[in-house]
C-alpha atoms as a PDB file:
ATOM      1  CA  GLU A   1      81.406 -89.851 -49.699  1.00  0.00           C
ATOM      2  CA  LYS A   2      80.665 -85.799 -50.105  1.00  0.00           C
ATOM      3  CA  ILE A   3      77.594 -85.897 -48.471  1.00  0.00           C
ATOM      4  CA  GLU A   4      79.373 -87.617 -46.043  1.00  0.00           C
ATOM      5  CA  THR A   5      81.701 -84.842 -45.934  1.00  0.00           C
ATOM      6  CA  TYR A   6      79.424 -81.997 -45.751  1.00  0.00           C
ATOM      7  CA  ILE A   7      77.507 -83.877 -42.700  1.00  0.00           C
ATOM      8  CA  GLN A   8      80.895 -83.789 -40.938  1.00  0.00           C
ATOM      9  CA  LEU A   9      81.177 -80.366 -41.548  1.00  0.00           C
ATOM     10  CA  LEU A  10      78.104 -79.105 -40.470  1.00  0.00           C
ATOM     11  CA  LEU A  11      78.244 -81.040 -36.888  1.00  0.00           C
ATOM     12  CA  GLU A  12      81.719 -79.719 -36.246  1.00  0.00           C
ATOM     13  CA  GLN A  13      79.999 -76.045 -36.616  1.00  0.00           C
ATOM     14  CA  CYS A  14      77.329 -77.382 -34.230  1.00  0.00           C
ATOM     15  CA  ALA A  15      79.979 -78.516 -31.559  1.00  0.00           C
ATOM     16  CA  LEU A  16      81.546 -75.053 -31.359  1.00  0.00           C
ATOM     17  CA  CYS A  17      77.677 -73.608 -30.523  1.00  0.00           C
ATOM     18  CA  PRO A  18      77.797 -74.428 -26.935  1.00  0.00           C
ATOM     19  CA  GLU A  19      81.095 -72.432 -26.542  1.00  0.00           C
ATOM     20  CA  LEU A  20      80.200 -69.717 -28.132  1.00  0.00           C
ATOM     21  CA  GLY A  21      76.863 -69.115 -25.658  1.00  0.00           C
ATOM     22  CA  PHE A  22      74.608 -70.820 -28.248  1.00  0.00           C
ATOM     23  CA  ASP A  23      71.832 -73.297 -27.367  1.00  0.00           C
ATOM     24  CA  MET A  24      70.343 -73.977 -31.110  1.00  0.00           C
ATOM     25  CA  ILE A  25      71.182 -74.183 -34.285  1.00  0.00           C
ATOM     26  CA  THR A  26      68.803 -72.816 -37.366  1.00  0.00           C
ATOM     27  CA  ILE A  27      69.611 -74.273 -40.514  1.00  0.00           C
ATOM     28  CA  HIS A  28      68.790 -73.136 -43.793  1.00  0.00           C
ATOM     29  CA  ALA A  29      66.830 -75.446 -46.226  1.00  0.00           C
ATOM     30  CA  ALA A  30      64.242 -73.541 -47.940  1.00  0.00           C
ATOM     31  CA  TYR A  31      64.383 -71.777 -51.762  1.00  0.00           C
ATOM     32  CA  ARG A  32      66.179 -74.842 -53.360  1.00  0.00           C
ATOM     33  CA  ASP A  33      69.123 -72.257 -52.579  1.00  0.00           C
ATOM     34  CA  THR A  34      70.770 -75.086 -50.120  1.00  0.00           C
ATOM     35  CA  PHE A  35      72.434 -78.336 -50.252  1.00  0.00           C
ATOM     36  CA  LEU A  36      69.236 -79.495 -47.906  1.00  0.00           C
ATOM     37  CA  ALA A  37      66.732 -77.702 -50.013  1.00  0.00           C
ATOM     38  CA  ARG A  38      68.494 -79.135 -53.159  1.00  0.00           C
ATOM     39  CA  PHE A  39      68.047 -82.758 -52.030  1.00  0.00           C
ATOM     40  CA  LEU A  40      64.544 -82.522 -51.049  1.00  0.00           C
ATOM     41  CA  SER A  41      63.020 -80.721 -54.094  1.00  0.00           C
ATOM     42  CA  PRO A  42      62.266 -83.140 -56.639  1.00  0.00           C
ATOM     43  CA  ALA A  43      62.732 -80.323 -59.465  1.00  0.00           C
ATOM     44  CA  THR A  44      66.508 -80.337 -58.656  1.00  0.00           C
ATOM     45  CA  ASN A  45      67.614 -84.195 -56.994  1.00  0.00           C
ATOM     46  CA  ARG A  46      67.114 -86.248 -59.897  1.00  0.00           C
ATOM     47  CA  ARG A  47      69.048 -88.940 -58.478  1.00  0.00           C
ATOM     48  CA  THR A  48      68.345 -92.718 -59.701  1.00  0.00           C
ATOM     49  CA  ASP A  49      69.870 -93.956 -56.715  1.00  0.00           C
ATOM     50  CA  SER A  50      68.326 -94.490 -52.805  1.00  0.00           C
ATOM     51  CA  TRP A  51      68.791 -90.257 -52.395  1.00  0.00           C
ATOM     52  CA  GLY A  52      66.336 -89.536 -54.779  1.00  0.00           C
ATOM     53  CA  GLY A  53      63.281 -90.454 -56.512  1.00  0.00           C
ATOM     54  CA  SER A  54      60.859 -90.946 -53.591  1.00  0.00           C
ATOM     55  CA  LEU A  55      60.134 -88.110 -51.319  1.00  0.00           C
ATOM     56  CA  GLU A  56      61.532 -90.519 -48.697  1.00  0.00           C
ATOM     57  CA  ASN A  57      65.138 -91.114 -50.330  1.00  0.00           C
ATOM     58  CA  ARG A  58      64.673 -87.209 -50.779  1.00  0.00           C
ATOM     59  CA  ALA A  59      64.377 -87.063 -47.452  1.00  0.00           C
ATOM     60  CA  LYS A  60      67.392 -88.912 -46.021  1.00  0.00           C
ATOM     61  CA  VAL A  61      69.515 -86.271 -46.357  1.00  0.00           C
ATOM     62  CA  PRO A  62      67.832 -83.736 -44.177  1.00  0.00           C
ATOM     63  CA  LEU A  63      66.962 -86.046 -41.820  1.00  0.00           C
ATOM     64  CA  GLU A  64      70.165 -87.965 -41.781  1.00  0.00           C
ATOM     65  CA  ILE A  65      71.824 -84.458 -40.796  1.00  0.00           C
ATOM     66  CA  PHE A  66      68.919 -83.550 -37.567  1.00  0.00           C
ATOM     67  CA  ARG A  67      69.189 -87.427 -36.421  1.00  0.00           C
ATOM     68  CA  ARG A  68      73.250 -86.689 -36.434  1.00  0.00           C
ATOM     69  CA  ILE A  69      72.722 -83.326 -34.571  1.00  0.00           C
ATOM     70  CA  LYS A  70      70.436 -84.970 -32.008  1.00  0.00           C
ATOM     71  CA  GLU A  71      72.995 -87.756 -31.749  1.00  0.00           C
ATOM     72  CA  GLN A  72      76.331 -85.952 -30.904  1.00  0.00           C
ATOM     73  CA  MET A  73      74.602 -82.477 -29.078  1.00  0.00           C
ATOM     74  CA  GLY A  74      71.619 -84.323 -26.990  1.00  0.00           C
ATOM     75  CA  GLN A  75      68.155 -83.948 -27.252  1.00  0.00           C
ATOM     76  CA  ASP A  76      68.049 -80.930 -25.485  1.00  0.00           C
ATOM     77  CA  PHE A  77      70.194 -79.221 -28.094  1.00  0.00           C
ATOM     78  CA  ILE A  78      67.457 -76.972 -30.104  1.00  0.00           C
ATOM     79  CA  THR A  79      67.347 -77.846 -33.712  1.00  0.00           C
ATOM     80  CA  SER A  80      65.593 -75.805 -36.304  1.00  0.00           C
ATOM     81  CA  ALA A  81      64.879 -75.527 -39.910  1.00  0.00           C
ATOM     82  CA  ALA A  82      64.334 -72.780 -42.257  1.00  0.00           C
ATOM     83  CA  MET A  83      61.951 -74.765 -45.019  1.00  0.00           C
ATOM     84  CA  SER A  84      59.724 -73.515 -47.414  1.00  0.00           C
ATOM     85  CA  ALA A  85      56.299 -75.266 -47.045  1.00  0.00           C
ATOM     86  CA  THR A  86      56.112 -75.584 -51.096  1.00  0.00           C
ATOM     87  CA  ASP A  87      58.659 -75.693 -53.642  1.00  0.00           C
ATOM     88  CA  GLY A  88      57.470 -74.156 -57.024  1.00  0.00           C
ATOM     89  CA  PRO A  89      56.980 -75.641 -60.229  1.00  0.00           C
ATOM     90  CA  ASP A  90      57.903 -79.223 -60.434  1.00  0.00           C
ATOM     91  CA  GLY A  91      58.471 -79.185 -56.936  1.00  0.00           C
ATOM     92  CA  TYR A  92      57.148 -80.747 -54.086  1.00  0.00           C
ATOM     93  CA  THR A  93      53.658 -79.669 -52.859  1.00  0.00           C
ATOM     94  CA  LEU A  94      52.421 -78.973 -49.474  1.00  0.00           C
ATOM     95  CA  GLU A  95      50.990 -81.975 -49.214  1.00  0.00           C
ATOM     96  CA  ASP A  96      54.512 -83.507 -49.343  1.00  0.00           C
ATOM     97  CA  PHE A  97      55.770 -81.175 -47.029  1.00  0.00           C
ATOM     98  CA  LYS A  98      53.228 -82.619 -44.585  1.00  0.00           C
ATOM     99  CA  GLU A  99      54.623 -86.305 -45.073  1.00  0.00           C
ATOM    100  CA  PHE A 100      57.905 -85.034 -44.626  1.00  0.00           C
ATOM    101  CA  CYS A 101      57.389 -82.942 -41.192  1.00  0.00           C
ATOM    102  CA  ARG A 102      55.902 -86.452 -39.727  1.00  0.00           C
ATOM    103  CA  MET A 103      59.120 -87.701 -40.814  1.00  0.00           C
ATOM    104  CA  ALA A 104      60.714 -84.996 -38.671  1.00  0.00           C
ATOM    105  CA  ASP A 105      59.261 -85.189 -35.791  1.00  0.00           C
ATOM    106  CA  GLY A 106      61.290 -85.260 -32.616  1.00  0.00           C
ATOM    107  CA  LEU A 107      64.485 -84.782 -34.936  1.00  0.00           C
ATOM    108  CA  ILE A 108      63.897 -80.936 -35.937  1.00  0.00           C
ATOM    109  CA  ASP A 109      62.031 -79.114 -32.753  1.00  0.00           C
ATOM    110  CA  ILE A 110      61.218 -76.004 -34.628  1.00  0.00           C
ATOM    111  CA  ILE A 111      60.240 -75.686 -38.810  1.00  0.00           C
ATOM    112  CA  GLN A 112      60.483 -71.918 -40.311  1.00  0.00           C
ATOM    113  CA  VAL A 113      57.844 -72.044 -42.378  1.00  0.00           C
ATOM    114  CA  ARG A 114      58.685 -70.057 -45.436  1.00  0.00           C
ATOM    115  CA  MET A 115      57.318 -69.379 -48.638  1.00  0.00           C
ATOM    116  CA  ASP A 116      58.806 -71.127 -52.153  1.00  0.00           C
ATOM    117  CA  ASN A 117      61.296 -67.816 -52.920  1.00  0.00           C
ATOM    118  CA  ALA A 118      62.635 -65.125 -50.528  1.00  0.00           C
ATOM    119  CA  ASP A 119      61.053 -62.546 -52.006  1.00  0.00           C
ATOM    120  CA  ASP A 120      57.591 -63.674 -50.827  1.00  0.00           C
ATOM    121  CA  SER A 121      58.879 -64.599 -47.527  1.00  0.00           C
ATOM    122  CA  HIS A 122      60.027 -61.232 -46.938  1.00  0.00           C
ATOM    123  CA  PRO A 123      56.387 -59.278 -47.859  1.00  0.00           C
ATOM    124  CA  THR A 124      56.737 -55.532 -48.450  1.00  0.00           C
ATOM    125  CA  GLY A 125      53.593 -52.798 -47.481  1.00  0.00           C
ATOM    126  CA  TYR A 126      52.448 -53.758 -51.119  1.00  0.00           C
ATOM    127  CA  LEU A 127      51.894 -57.498 -50.643  1.00  0.00           C
ATOM    128  CA  PRO A 128      49.423 -59.185 -48.451  1.00  0.00           C
ATOM    129  CA  PRO A 129      51.038 -58.933 -44.802  1.00  0.00           C
ATOM    130  CA  ASN A 130      52.196 -62.944 -43.181  1.00  0.00           C
ATOM    131  CA  PRO A 131      51.960 -65.018 -45.972  1.00  0.00           C
ATOM    132  CA  THR A 132      53.201 -67.902 -44.744  1.00  0.00           C
ATOM    133  CA  LEU A 133      50.561 -68.226 -41.169  1.00  0.00           C
ATOM    134  CA  ALA A 134      48.100 -70.070 -43.739  1.00  0.00           C
ATOM    135  CA  LEU A 135      50.505 -72.555 -44.609  1.00  0.00           C
ATOM    136  CA  ALA A 136      51.612 -72.640 -40.858  1.00  0.00           C
ATOM    137  CA  ALA A 137      47.657 -73.206 -40.135  1.00  0.00           C
ATOM    138  CA  GLU A 138      48.242 -76.147 -42.066  1.00  0.00           C
ATOM    139  CA  LEU A 139      50.784 -77.871 -40.724  1.00  0.00           C
ATOM    140  CA  LYS A 140      49.395 -77.732 -37.606  1.00  0.00           C
ATOM    141  CA  THR A 141      46.272 -80.022 -38.536  1.00  0.00           C
ATOM    142  CA  LEU A 142      49.177 -82.611 -38.535  1.00  0.00           C
ATOM    143  CA  ASP A 143      48.956 -82.172 -34.340  1.00  0.00           C
ATOM    144  CA  LEU A 144      53.255 -83.201 -34.312  1.00  0.00           C
ATOM    145  CA  LYS A 145      54.132 -84.712 -31.099  1.00  0.00           C
ATOM    146  CA  TYR A 146      57.296 -82.896 -30.570  1.00  0.00           C
ATOM    147  CA  THR A 147      57.933 -80.216 -33.884  1.00  0.00           C
ATOM    148  CA  LYS A 148      56.639 -76.543 -33.043  1.00  0.00           C
ATOM    149  CA  ILE A 149      55.649 -74.722 -36.316  1.00  0.00           C
ATOM    150  CA  MET A 150      56.859 -71.123 -36.632  1.00  0.00           C
ATOM    151  CA  PRO A 151      55.490 -68.971 -39.675  1.00  0.00           C
ATOM    152  CA  ILE A 152      57.835 -65.893 -40.723  1.00  0.00           C
ATOM    153  CA  GLY A 153      57.172 -63.095 -43.170  1.00  0.00           C
ATOM    154  CA  GLY A 154      55.952 -59.317 -41.964  1.00  0.00           C
ATOM    155  CA  PHE A 155      55.240 -60.059 -38.405  1.00  0.00           C
ATOM    156  CA  GLN A 156      55.184 -57.347 -36.342  1.00  0.00           C
ATOM    157  CA  ASP A 157      51.370 -56.430 -34.638  1.00  0.00           C
ATOM    158  CA  PRO A 158      51.693 -58.378 -31.222  1.00  0.00           C
ATOM    159  CA  TYR A 159      47.991 -58.747 -31.409  1.00  0.00           C
ATOM    160  CA  VAL A 160      48.000 -60.381 -34.822  1.00  0.00           C
ATOM    161  CA  MET A 161      50.812 -62.738 -33.215  1.00  0.00           C
ATOM    162  CA  GLU A 162      48.359 -63.616 -30.232  1.00  0.00           C
ATOM    163  CA  ASP A 163      45.462 -64.207 -31.911  1.00  0.00           C
ATOM    164  CA  ALA A 164      47.509 -66.786 -34.098  1.00  0.00           C
ATOM    165  CA  ILE A 165      48.890 -68.646 -31.531  1.00  0.00           C
ATOM    166  CA  ALA A 166      45.621 -68.647 -29.472  1.00  0.00           C
ATOM    167  CA  ALA A 167      43.934 -69.745 -32.548  1.00  0.00           C
ATOM    168  CA  GLY A 168      46.017 -72.672 -32.770  1.00  0.00           C
ATOM    169  CA  LYS A 169      47.315 -71.988 -36.137  1.00  0.00           C
ATOM    170  CA  ALA A 170      51.099 -71.659 -35.202  1.00  0.00           C
ATOM    171  CA  ASP A 171      53.205 -72.282 -32.346  1.00  0.00           C
ATOM    172  CA  LEU A 172      55.736 -69.707 -31.997  1.00  0.00           C
ATOM    173  CA  ILE A 173      56.189 -66.516 -34.450  1.00  0.00           C
ATOM    174  CA  ALA A 174      59.196 -65.655 -36.081  1.00  0.00           C
ATOM    175  CA  ALA A 175      60.112 -61.902 -36.942  1.00  0.00           C
ATOM    176  CA  ALA A 176      63.533 -59.612 -37.563  1.00  0.00           C
ATOM    177  CA  ARG A 177      62.654 -56.624 -39.112  1.00  0.00           C
ATOM    178  CA  MET A 178      60.458 -55.147 -36.781  1.00  0.00           C
ATOM    179  CA  TRP A 179      63.438 -55.819 -34.370  1.00  0.00           C
ATOM    180  CA  ILE A 180      65.321 -54.189 -36.165  1.00  0.00           C
ATOM    181  CA  ALA A 181      63.066 -51.044 -36.552  1.00  0.00           C
ATOM    182  CA  ASP A 182      62.802 -50.920 -32.860  1.00  0.00           C
ATOM    183  CA  PRO A 183      65.292 -52.910 -30.702  1.00  0.00           C
ATOM    184  CA  HIS A 184      62.957 -51.858 -27.746  1.00  0.00           C
ATOM    185  CA  TRP A 185      60.029 -53.563 -29.251  1.00  0.00           C
ATOM    186  CA  GLY A 186      59.716 -56.234 -26.505  1.00  0.00           C
ATOM    187  CA  GLU A 187      60.475 -53.905 -23.754  1.00  0.00           C
ATOM    188  CA  LYS A 188      57.606 -52.038 -24.824  1.00  0.00           C
ATOM    189  CA  LEU A 189      55.470 -54.361 -25.368  1.00  0.00           C
ATOM    190  CA  ALA A 190      56.360 -55.949 -21.605  1.00  0.00           C
ATOM    191  CA  GLU A 191      55.546 -52.525 -20.176  1.00  0.00           C
ATOM    192  CA  GLY A 192      52.266 -52.179 -21.656  1.00  0.00           C
ATOM    193  CA  ARG A 193      53.537 -49.310 -24.859  1.00  0.00           C
ATOM    194  CA  PRO A 194      52.342 -50.769 -28.071  1.00  0.00           C
ATOM    195  CA  GLU A 195      51.994 -47.783 -29.156  1.00  0.00           C
ATOM    196  CA  ASP A 196      55.436 -46.482 -28.470  1.00  0.00           C
ATOM    197  CA  ILE A 197      56.868 -49.244 -31.106  1.00  0.00           C
ATOM    198  CA  THR A 198      58.480 -47.536 -34.104  1.00  0.00           C
ATOM    199  CA  PRO A 199      57.186 -49.616 -36.745  1.00  0.00           C
ATOM    200  CA  CYS A 200      58.853 -51.288 -39.040  1.00  0.00           C
ATOM    201  CA  ILE A 201      57.284 -50.001 -42.588  1.00  0.00           C
ATOM    202  CA  LEU A 202      58.843 -53.241 -44.531  1.00  0.00           C
ATOM    203  CA  CYS A 203      60.809 -51.349 -47.274  1.00  0.00           C
ATOM    204  CA  ASN A 204      63.529 -54.152 -47.107  1.00  0.00           C
ATOM    205  CA  ARG A 205      66.348 -51.536 -46.896  1.00  0.00           C
ATOM    206  CA  CYS A 206      67.745 -53.975 -43.992  1.00  0.00           C
ATOM    207  CA  HIS A 207      67.936 -56.581 -46.776  1.00  0.00           C
ATOM    208  CA  VAL A 208      71.515 -56.417 -48.917  1.00  0.00           C
ATOM    209  CA  GLN A 209      70.235 -54.776 -52.248  1.00  0.00           C
ATOM    210  CA  GLY A 210      72.230 -57.035 -54.967  1.00  0.00           C
ATOM    211  CA  ASN A 211      75.296 -58.945 -55.341  1.00  0.00           C
ATOM    212  CA  ASN A 212      77.140 -56.112 -56.808  1.00  0.00           C
ATOM    213  CA  VAL A 213      76.652 -53.454 -54.010  1.00  0.00           C
ATOM    214  CA  PRO A 214      78.232 -53.452 -50.267  1.00  0.00           C
ATOM    215  CA  PHE A 215      77.083 -55.774 -48.242  1.00  0.00           C
ATOM    216  CA  LEU A 216      75.434 -53.214 -45.776  1.00  0.00           C
ATOM    217  CA  SER A 217      72.393 -52.979 -44.194  1.00  0.00           C
ATOM    218  CA  MET A 218      70.539 -50.059 -42.970  1.00  0.00           C
ATOM    219  CA  CYS A 219      66.558 -49.274 -41.682  1.00  0.00           C
ATOM    220  CA  SER A 220      64.948 -46.685 -43.143  1.00  0.00           C
ATOM    221  CA  VAL A 221      63.132 -45.916 -39.526  1.00  0.00           C
ATOM    222  CA  ASN A 222      66.019 -46.312 -37.317  1.00  0.00           C
ATOM    223  CA  PRO A 223      68.959 -44.564 -38.670  1.00  0.00           C
ATOM    224  CA  GLU A 224      71.310 -46.317 -35.952  1.00  0.00           C
ATOM    225  CA  PHE A 225      70.952 -49.492 -37.349  1.00  0.00           C
ATOM    226  CA  GLY A 226      74.331 -50.746 -38.781  1.00  0.00           C
ATOM    227  CA  ILE A 227      76.663 -48.201 -37.713  1.00  0.00           C
ATOM    228  CA  GLN A 228      76.166 -48.885 -33.887  1.00  0.00           C
ATOM    229  CA  HIS A 229      79.860 -49.924 -33.915  1.00  0.00           C
ATOM    230  CA  VAL A 230      80.191 -46.322 -35.156  1.00  0.00           C
ATOM    231  CA  LEU A 231      77.871 -44.658 -32.872  1.00  0.00           C
ATOM    232  CA  HIS A 232      78.730 -46.576 -29.371  1.00  0.00           C
ATOM    233  CA  THR A 233      82.862 -46.197 -29.679  1.00  0.00           C
END
């Protein structure tokens, strides 16, 4: 009953998307942090009924949710899932996740590839860049018919992104911090001015600093970020 209640609440939220101007929804299912991630991980799903045990059983809830979204919203409503390609100690493996991707082909339109934890998924300048690109390249070997593979994590160099897509390592690239550092990133690139882009220094100050501090984002290279509502009133 609780599973069904959760699904219904999620469907109600999806139904609001069109009237709010959204054409898609992204559901967070990474890091063992959420309902879906915990169902998929054998480290957290210890059920002995039909919802646990095998990968097929553990995948039932995530797949059912995306199936119901498609039924309710129609095939043109884009579904995206932020997911860890591997699950850490005692969790699912990359091979397991490949099999999940096969099962989800046609239900999840975009799989946003993440690491097994948030810190590695959002690398600083002290860590290797673009850590999920190799994982995305592995998933691309599946040659999925419908689902697109989109790595995240420290992407901001347009040439790196272009090369990754051209080499068939990814279908799309997800990026956020670069748009925070320079909201005109896309315009400058389209105008042939990549040298004018203000680079993100990967300091992660835009991430909330902890559970015991104010929920405030800021940017080391864009002083307007987070206070636009004050500057432009």
